Amino acid sequence: TLGKSQTGSYPYSQGWEFLGVNRHPMWRRHFYDLGANIQKMNEIAMANGQYNAVLIGRTIMLMSTMLTTDAFGDMPRTEVYKSASPKYDTQEEIYEWMFQEAEELLKLYDDPAWVNATSNLLINERMDRIYAGDMSKWKTFCQALQARLWLRKLPNWDNTPATCQKIIQMIDNVFASNWQEPRYYYPGGVTESNCPWGPYAPKINSWESRDNRLDESLPTTFFMKSILGGYEFQDGQFQTPRGYALDPRASRMMQQRTEEKENPMRHLESNIGGDIDKTIVNYPNLLAPNNPFTQNDGYIALI
């Protein structure tokens, strides 16, 4: 944001200081919101022979584990929920488990005794907002997660032509299986029926989360240049004939404000505060009306 405050309840726009923050979203959501609930759901579902619910739960946990270890590194897994101070597994151990889990899940998705069990739960759209219980689509989601795991190998420990070809084949198999992107759609309306990235900016359960601040946020220099390939506007023209950005997502994710004519995609270095002669209207609007992710009835794409 344009301010320079180093303290406050929104550290991602007030100094990027996270050390004093409790309930950090990624960590909390993995172990509390997802982990504890999915563990209990799987226990009940296994006891009732509802194997389709177990497959969905384990697939979501595989995705969440991947996101969490990539953000934090070492994390509890083998002893999680067994004590108040479980041991931390190394990230290497976490990755070894994730590769094994992906393999086992895909075998179970191909097992009629699991996906077609007469005791399986009848899952409708109200229970499963992603695929409405369609196990073939959950299988392709799991295949996509496996491919993403293998992509992690390339820069880290197995950058070989054989591995590249294996990943390409995995992705080909996903698209050949009638791939449908896993999207959680929000209907819009009141409070939590709205997408958390939309203009309504709902606070989930009030104290458990923080509403988005896109109405007063700015694109950072790193995001515009390094991620989206944005260029400066100098001497009446852009520095590249391709336009203000190499990445076409820029014009979908933000929109020029009418007040800023000279440099429609102005950006700001993180955490330095804005110049006194610039206000929010001099920067692009991050709640662009053509951005499907920032509408009240928008969606979250899981992968």
Protein backbone atom coordinates (compact mmCIF):
# COMPACT_ATOMS: atom_id res chain seq x y z
CA THR A 1 0.00 0.00 0.00
CA LEU A 2 1.02 3.65 -0.12
CA GLY A 3 1.54 3.75 3.66
CA LYS A 4 4.69 2.83 5.56
CA SER A 5 3.22 1.58 8.86
CA GLN A 6 5.34 -1.15 10.43
CA THR A 7 2.67 -2.38 12.82
CA GLY A 8 -0.91 -3.50 12.48
CA SER A 9 -3.11 -6.52 11.91
CA TYR A 10 -2.36 -6.62 8.16
CA PRO A 11 1.37 -7.41 8.01
CA TYR A 12 1.30 -8.14 4.28
CA SER A 13 0.61 -4.44 3.69
CA GLN A 14 2.15 -2.96 6.85
CA GLY A 15 5.83 -3.79 6.82
CA TRP A 16 5.67 -7.49 5.93
CA GLU A 17 6.43 -8.34 9.55
CA PHE A 18 4.90 -11.77 10.27
CA LEU A 19 6.74 -12.69 13.47
CA GLY A 20 4.01 -11.29 15.70
CA VAL A 21 1.15 -12.87 13.80
CA ASN A 22 -0.74 -15.83 15.22
CA ARG A 23 -3.05 -17.99 13.13
CA HIS A 24 -0.85 -17.65 10.06
CA PRO A 25 -3.23 -18.66 7.25
CA MET A 26 -1.25 -21.42 5.48
CA TRP A 27 -0.01 -23.14 8.63
CA ARG A 28 -3.31 -22.85 10.49
CA ARG A 29 -5.46 -23.95 7.56
CA HIS A 30 -3.36 -27.04 6.92
CA PHE A 31 -3.23 -28.35 10.48
CA TYR A 32 -6.49 -26.99 11.87
CA ASP A 33 -9.12 -26.19 9.25
CA LEU A 34 -8.16 -28.95 6.82
CA GLY A 35 -6.04 -31.43 8.74
CA ALA A 36 -8.08 -31.96 11.90
CA ASN A 37 -11.40 -32.08 10.04
CA ILE A 38 -10.20 -34.37 7.24
CA GLN A 39 -8.57 -36.73 9.74
CA LYS A 40 -11.87 -37.10 11.62
CA MET A 41 -13.86 -37.38 8.37
CA ASN A 42 -11.56 -40.15 7.13
CA GLU A 43 -11.88 -42.08 10.41
CA ILE A 44 -15.67 -42.00 10.23
CA ALA A 45 -15.76 -42.71 6.48
CA MET A 46 -13.44 -45.72 6.74
CA ALA A 47 -15.53 -47.16 9.56
CA ASN A 48 -18.63 -46.82 7.34
CA GLY A 49 -16.98 -48.07 4.16
CA GLN A 50 -17.36 -44.67 2.47
CA TYR A 51 -14.13 -44.94 0.54
CA ASN A 52 -14.93 -42.19 -1.97
CA ALA A 53 -14.93 -39.62 0.86
CA VAL A 54 -11.56 -40.95 2.05
CA LEU A 55 -10.06 -40.58 -1.42
CA ILE A 56 -11.24 -36.99 -1.68
CA GLY A 57 -9.96 -36.17 1.81
CA ARG A 58 -6.54 -37.70 1.18
CA THR A 59 -6.23 -35.91 -2.17
CA ILE A 60 -6.95 -32.54 -0.54
CA MET A 61 -4.42 -33.29 2.20
CA LEU A 62 -1.79 -34.17 -0.41
CA MET A 63 -2.33 -30.78 -2.05
CA SER A 64 -2.30 -28.94 1.29
CA THR A 65 0.87 -30.73 2.43
CA MET A 66 2.61 -29.72 -0.79
CA LEU A 67 1.63 -26.06 -0.34
CA THR A 68 2.60 -26.04 3.34
CA THR A 69 6.02 -27.67 3.06
CA ASP A 70 6.92 -25.49 0.08
CA ALA A 71 6.14 -22.43 2.21
CA PHE A 72 7.67 -23.56 5.51
CA GLY A 73 10.03 -26.49 4.88
CA ASP A 74 10.10 -28.99 7.75
CA MET A 75 6.71 -29.66 9.35
CA PRO A 76 4.98 -32.24 11.57
CA ARG A 77 3.46 -35.19 9.73
CA THR A 78 4.17 -38.65 11.18
CA GLU A 79 3.40 -37.57 14.76
CA VAL A 80 0.91 -34.80 14.05
CA TYR A 81 -2.09 -34.64 16.46
CA LYS A 82 -0.40 -37.15 18.78
CA SER A 83 0.88 -34.53 21.21
CA ALA A 84 1.03 -30.79 21.75
CA SER A 85 4.65 -30.81 20.54
CA PRO A 86 4.96 -33.31 17.68
CA LYS A 87 8.33 -33.83 16.05
CA TYR A 88 9.00 -32.09 12.76
CA ASP A 89 9.63 -34.30 9.74
CA THR A 90 12.26 -33.00 7.34
CA GLN A 91 11.15 -31.62 4.01
CA GLU A 92 12.98 -34.51 2.32
CA GLU A 93 10.87 -36.95 4.34
CA ILE A 94 7.72 -34.99 3.51
CA TYR A 95 8.48 -35.17 -0.21
CA GLU A 96 9.23 -38.89 -0.03
CA TRP A 97 5.81 -39.41 1.60
CA MET A 98 4.05 -37.22 -0.99
CA PHE A 99 5.44 -39.23 -3.91
CA GLN A 100 4.33 -42.47 -2.23
CA GLU A 101 0.91 -41.04 -1.37
CA ALA A 102 0.28 -39.89 -4.94
CA GLU A 103 1.16 -43.36 -6.29
CA GLU A 104 -1.07 -45.12 -3.77
CA LEU A 105 -4.00 -42.76 -4.32
CA LEU A 106 -3.94 -43.24 -8.09
CA LYS A 107 -3.98 -47.02 -7.60
CA LEU A 108 -7.01 -46.67 -5.31
CA TYR A 109 -8.77 -44.41 -7.83
CA ASP A 110 -8.44 -47.32 -10.29
CA ASP A 111 -9.76 -49.85 -7.76
CA PRO A 112 -13.51 -50.57 -8.24
CA ALA A 113 -13.67 -51.81 -4.66
CA TRP A 114 -12.97 -48.21 -3.59
CA VAL A 115 -14.64 -46.00 -6.20
CA ASN A 116 -17.70 -48.22 -6.80
CA ALA A 117 -18.30 -49.58 -3.31
CA THR A 118 -22.01 -49.93 -2.54
CA SER A 119 -21.34 -48.41 0.87
CA ASN A 120 -19.87 -45.24 -0.64
CA LEU A 121 -21.34 -41.88 0.32
CA LEU A 122 -23.79 -40.25 -2.11
CA ILE A 123 -21.99 -36.94 -2.65
CA ASN A 124 -23.87 -34.02 -4.19
CA GLU A 125 -22.86 -30.49 -5.16
CA ARG A 126 -23.71 -29.07 -1.74
CA MET A 127 -21.20 -31.48 -0.18
CA ASP A 128 -18.53 -31.24 -2.86
CA ARG A 129 -18.42 -27.78 -4.44
CA ILE A 130 -15.53 -28.82 -6.70
CA TYR A 131 -16.61 -31.96 -8.59
CA ALA A 132 -19.93 -32.99 -6.98
CA GLY A 133 -18.51 -36.39 -6.07
CA ASP A 134 -17.30 -37.28 -9.59
CA MET A 135 -14.41 -39.61 -8.78
CA SER A 136 -13.03 -39.61 -12.33
CA LYS A 137 -12.47 -35.85 -12.01
CA TRP A 138 -10.91 -36.21 -8.58
CA LYS A 139 -8.57 -38.77 -10.12
CA THR A 140 -7.40 -36.31 -12.79
CA PHE A 141 -6.88 -33.73 -10.04
CA CYS A 142 -4.67 -36.25 -8.23
CA GLN A 143 -2.79 -36.92 -11.48
CA ALA A 144 -2.17 -33.19 -11.82
CA LEU A 145 -0.83 -33.05 -8.26
CA GLN A 146 1.53 -35.91 -9.06
CA ALA A 147 2.79 -34.08 -12.15
CA ARG A 148 3.40 -30.96 -10.06
CA LEU A 149 5.36 -33.04 -7.56
CA TRP A 150 7.57 -34.32 -10.36
CA LEU A 151 8.05 -30.77 -11.64
CA ARG A 152 9.63 -30.00 -8.26
CA LYS A 153 12.34 -32.55 -9.10
CA LEU A 154 13.64 -30.66 -12.12
CA PRO A 155 15.43 -27.74 -10.48
CA ASN A 156 16.31 -29.65 -7.35
CA TRP A 157 17.58 -33.16 -7.86
CA ASP A 158 16.58 -34.95 -11.07
CA ASN A 159 17.00 -32.65 -14.04
CA THR A 160 17.30 -35.26 -16.80
CA PRO A 161 15.68 -35.76 -20.23
CA ALA A 162 14.03 -38.96 -18.96
CA THR A 163 12.39 -37.09 -16.08
CA CYS A 164 11.25 -34.32 -18.41
CA GLN A 165 9.65 -36.87 -20.72
CA LYS A 166 7.98 -38.58 -17.77
CA ILE A 167 6.43 -35.28 -16.67
CA ILE A 168 5.25 -34.50 -20.20
CA GLN A 169 3.59 -37.90 -20.37
CA MET A 170 1.93 -37.35 -17.00
CA ILE A 171 0.47 -34.05 -18.19
CA ASP A 172 -0.65 -35.59 -21.50
CA ASN A 173 -2.45 -38.28 -19.50
CA VAL A 174 -4.22 -35.61 -17.43
CA PHE A 175 -5.56 -33.81 -20.49
CA ALA A 176 -6.49 -37.10 -22.13
CA SER A 177 -8.65 -37.91 -19.09
CA ASN A 178 -11.19 -35.13 -19.71
CA TRP A 179 -9.41 -32.68 -17.37
CA GLN A 180 -11.57 -30.09 -15.64
CA GLU A 181 -9.80 -27.46 -13.57
CA PRO A 182 -10.76 -27.79 -9.89
CA ARG A 183 -12.53 -24.53 -9.10
CA TYR A 184 -14.40 -23.54 -5.96
CA TYR A 185 -17.18 -21.20 -7.09
CA TYR A 186 -18.78 -18.59 -4.86
CA PRO A 187 -22.44 -17.69 -5.49
CA GLY A 188 -22.11 -14.16 -4.13
CA GLY A 189 -24.68 -12.63 -1.80
CA VAL A 190 -24.18 -12.20 1.90
CA THR A 191 -21.00 -12.47 4.01
CA GLU A 192 -19.11 -15.71 3.32
CA SER A 193 -21.08 -16.50 0.18
CA ASN A 194 -18.81 -13.96 -1.49
CA CYS A 195 -15.35 -14.74 -2.83
CA PRO A 196 -12.75 -13.56 -0.28
CA TRP A 197 -10.90 -11.71 -3.08
CA GLY A 198 -13.99 -9.84 -4.27
CA PRO A 199 -14.98 -6.23 -3.48
CA TYR A 200 -17.14 -7.36 -0.54
CA ALA A 201 -13.95 -8.75 1.08
CA PRO A 202 -15.64 -11.00 3.67
CA LYS A 203 -13.89 -11.83 6.92
CA ILE A 204 -14.30 -15.56 7.45
CA ASN A 205 -15.63 -16.16 10.97
CA SER A 206 -14.62 -12.58 11.76
CA TRP A 207 -11.55 -13.32 13.92
CA GLU A 208 -10.17 -16.27 11.94
CA SER A 209 -9.08 -14.29 8.91
CA ARG A 210 -8.51 -10.83 7.53
CA ASP A 211 -10.42 -9.27 4.68
CA ASN A 212 -8.56 -8.45 1.48
CA ARG A 213 -7.22 -4.95 0.94
CA LEU A 214 -7.19 -4.88 -2.84
CA ASP A 215 -9.16 -1.64 -2.88
CA GLU A 216 -6.11 0.15 -1.44
CA SER A 217 -3.31 -2.13 -2.66
CA LEU A 218 -0.77 -1.54 -5.41
CA PRO A 219 1.19 -3.87 -7.68
CA THR A 220 4.80 -4.21 -6.55
CA THR A 221 7.77 -3.59 -8.80
CA PHE A 222 8.80 -7.23 -8.43
CA PHE A 223 5.35 -8.44 -9.44
CA MET A 224 5.08 -6.13 -12.44
CA LYS A 225 8.62 -6.56 -13.77
CA SER A 226 9.81 -10.01 -12.70
CA ILE A 227 6.50 -11.88 -12.79
CA LEU A 228 4.46 -10.09 -15.45
CA GLY A 229 7.32 -8.63 -17.49
CA GLY A 230 6.12 -5.04 -17.22
CA TYR A 231 8.20 -2.20 -18.67
CA GLU A 232 8.58 1.47 -17.89
CA PHE A 233 6.88 4.21 -19.90
CA GLN A 234 9.54 6.67 -21.12
CA ASP A 235 9.67 9.45 -23.68
CA GLY A 236 6.07 8.94 -24.66
CA GLN A 237 6.37 5.24 -25.45
CA PHE A 238 6.87 1.85 -23.83
CA GLN A 239 10.28 0.21 -23.90
CA THR A 240 8.96 -2.81 -25.76
CA PRO A 241 6.77 -3.01 -28.88
CA ARG A 242 4.68 -5.72 -27.20
CA GLY A 243 3.01 -3.23 -24.89
CA TYR A 244 3.18 -2.60 -21.16
CA ALA A 245 3.72 -6.25 -20.25
CA LEU A 246 4.88 -9.50 -21.76
CA ASP A 247 2.37 -11.49 -19.74
CA PRO A 248 -1.24 -11.15 -20.99
CA ARG A 249 -2.55 -11.79 -17.47
CA ALA A 250 -1.59 -8.22 -16.50
CA SER A 251 -4.53 -6.67 -18.33
CA ARG A 252 -6.88 -9.28 -16.81
CA MET A 253 -5.67 -8.89 -13.22
CA MET A 254 -5.62 -5.10 -13.01
CA GLN A 255 -7.03 -2.12 -14.84
CA GLN A 256 -5.74 1.36 -15.52
CA ARG A 257 -7.48 4.08 -13.51
CA THR A 258 -8.71 6.94 -15.62
CA GLU A 259 -6.78 9.53 -13.59
CA GLU A 260 -3.37 8.16 -14.59
CA LYS A 261 -2.64 8.75 -18.27
CA GLU A 262 1.14 8.75 -18.56
CA ASN A 263 1.99 5.44 -16.91
CA PRO A 264 -1.11 3.20 -16.71
CA MET A 265 0.74 0.32 -15.02
CA ARG A 266 2.62 2.23 -12.35
CA HIS A 267 4.10 0.07 -9.57
CA LEU A 268 5.85 0.56 -6.25
CA GLU A 269 8.72 -1.13 -4.43
CA SER A 270 7.53 -3.24 -1.50
CA ASN A 271 7.32 -1.55 1.89
CA ILE A 272 8.74 1.88 1.07
CA GLY A 273 5.57 3.95 1.03
CA GLY A 274 4.37 6.12 -1.82
CA ASP A 275 5.51 9.52 -3.05
CA ILE A 276 3.55 12.41 -1.62
CA ASP A 277 2.37 13.49 -5.07
CA LYS A 278 0.88 10.08 -5.89
CA THR A 279 -2.41 8.68 -4.61
CA ILE A 280 -4.23 5.41 -5.14
CA VAL A 281 -5.74 6.68 -8.39
CA ASN A 282 -2.27 6.86 -9.96
CA TYR A 283 -1.94 3.07 -9.73
CA PRO A 284 -3.86 0.31 -11.51
CA ASN A 285 -7.03 -1.03 -9.93
CA LEU A 286 -6.45 -4.56 -8.58
CA LEU A 287 -10.21 -5.13 -8.37
CA ALA A 288 -10.50 -5.01 -12.15
CA PRO A 289 -14.03 -5.80 -13.38
CA ASN A 290 -12.69 -8.27 -15.97
CA ASN A 291 -10.67 -10.28 -13.43
CA PRO A 292 -12.62 -13.50 -12.72
CA PHE A 293 -10.77 -14.03 -9.43
CA THR A 294 -11.78 -10.72 -7.82
CA GLN A 295 -15.55 -10.81 -8.27
CA ASN A 296 -17.98 -11.48 -5.42
CA ASP A 297 -19.22 -14.49 -7.41
CA GLY A 298 -15.71 -15.44 -8.58
CA TYR A 299 -13.84 -18.66 -7.97
CA ILE A 300 -10.67 -20.04 -6.44
CA ALA A 301 -8.71 -22.40 -8.73
CA LEU A 302 -7.02 -25.09 -6.63
CA ILE A 303 -4.40 -25.86 -9.29
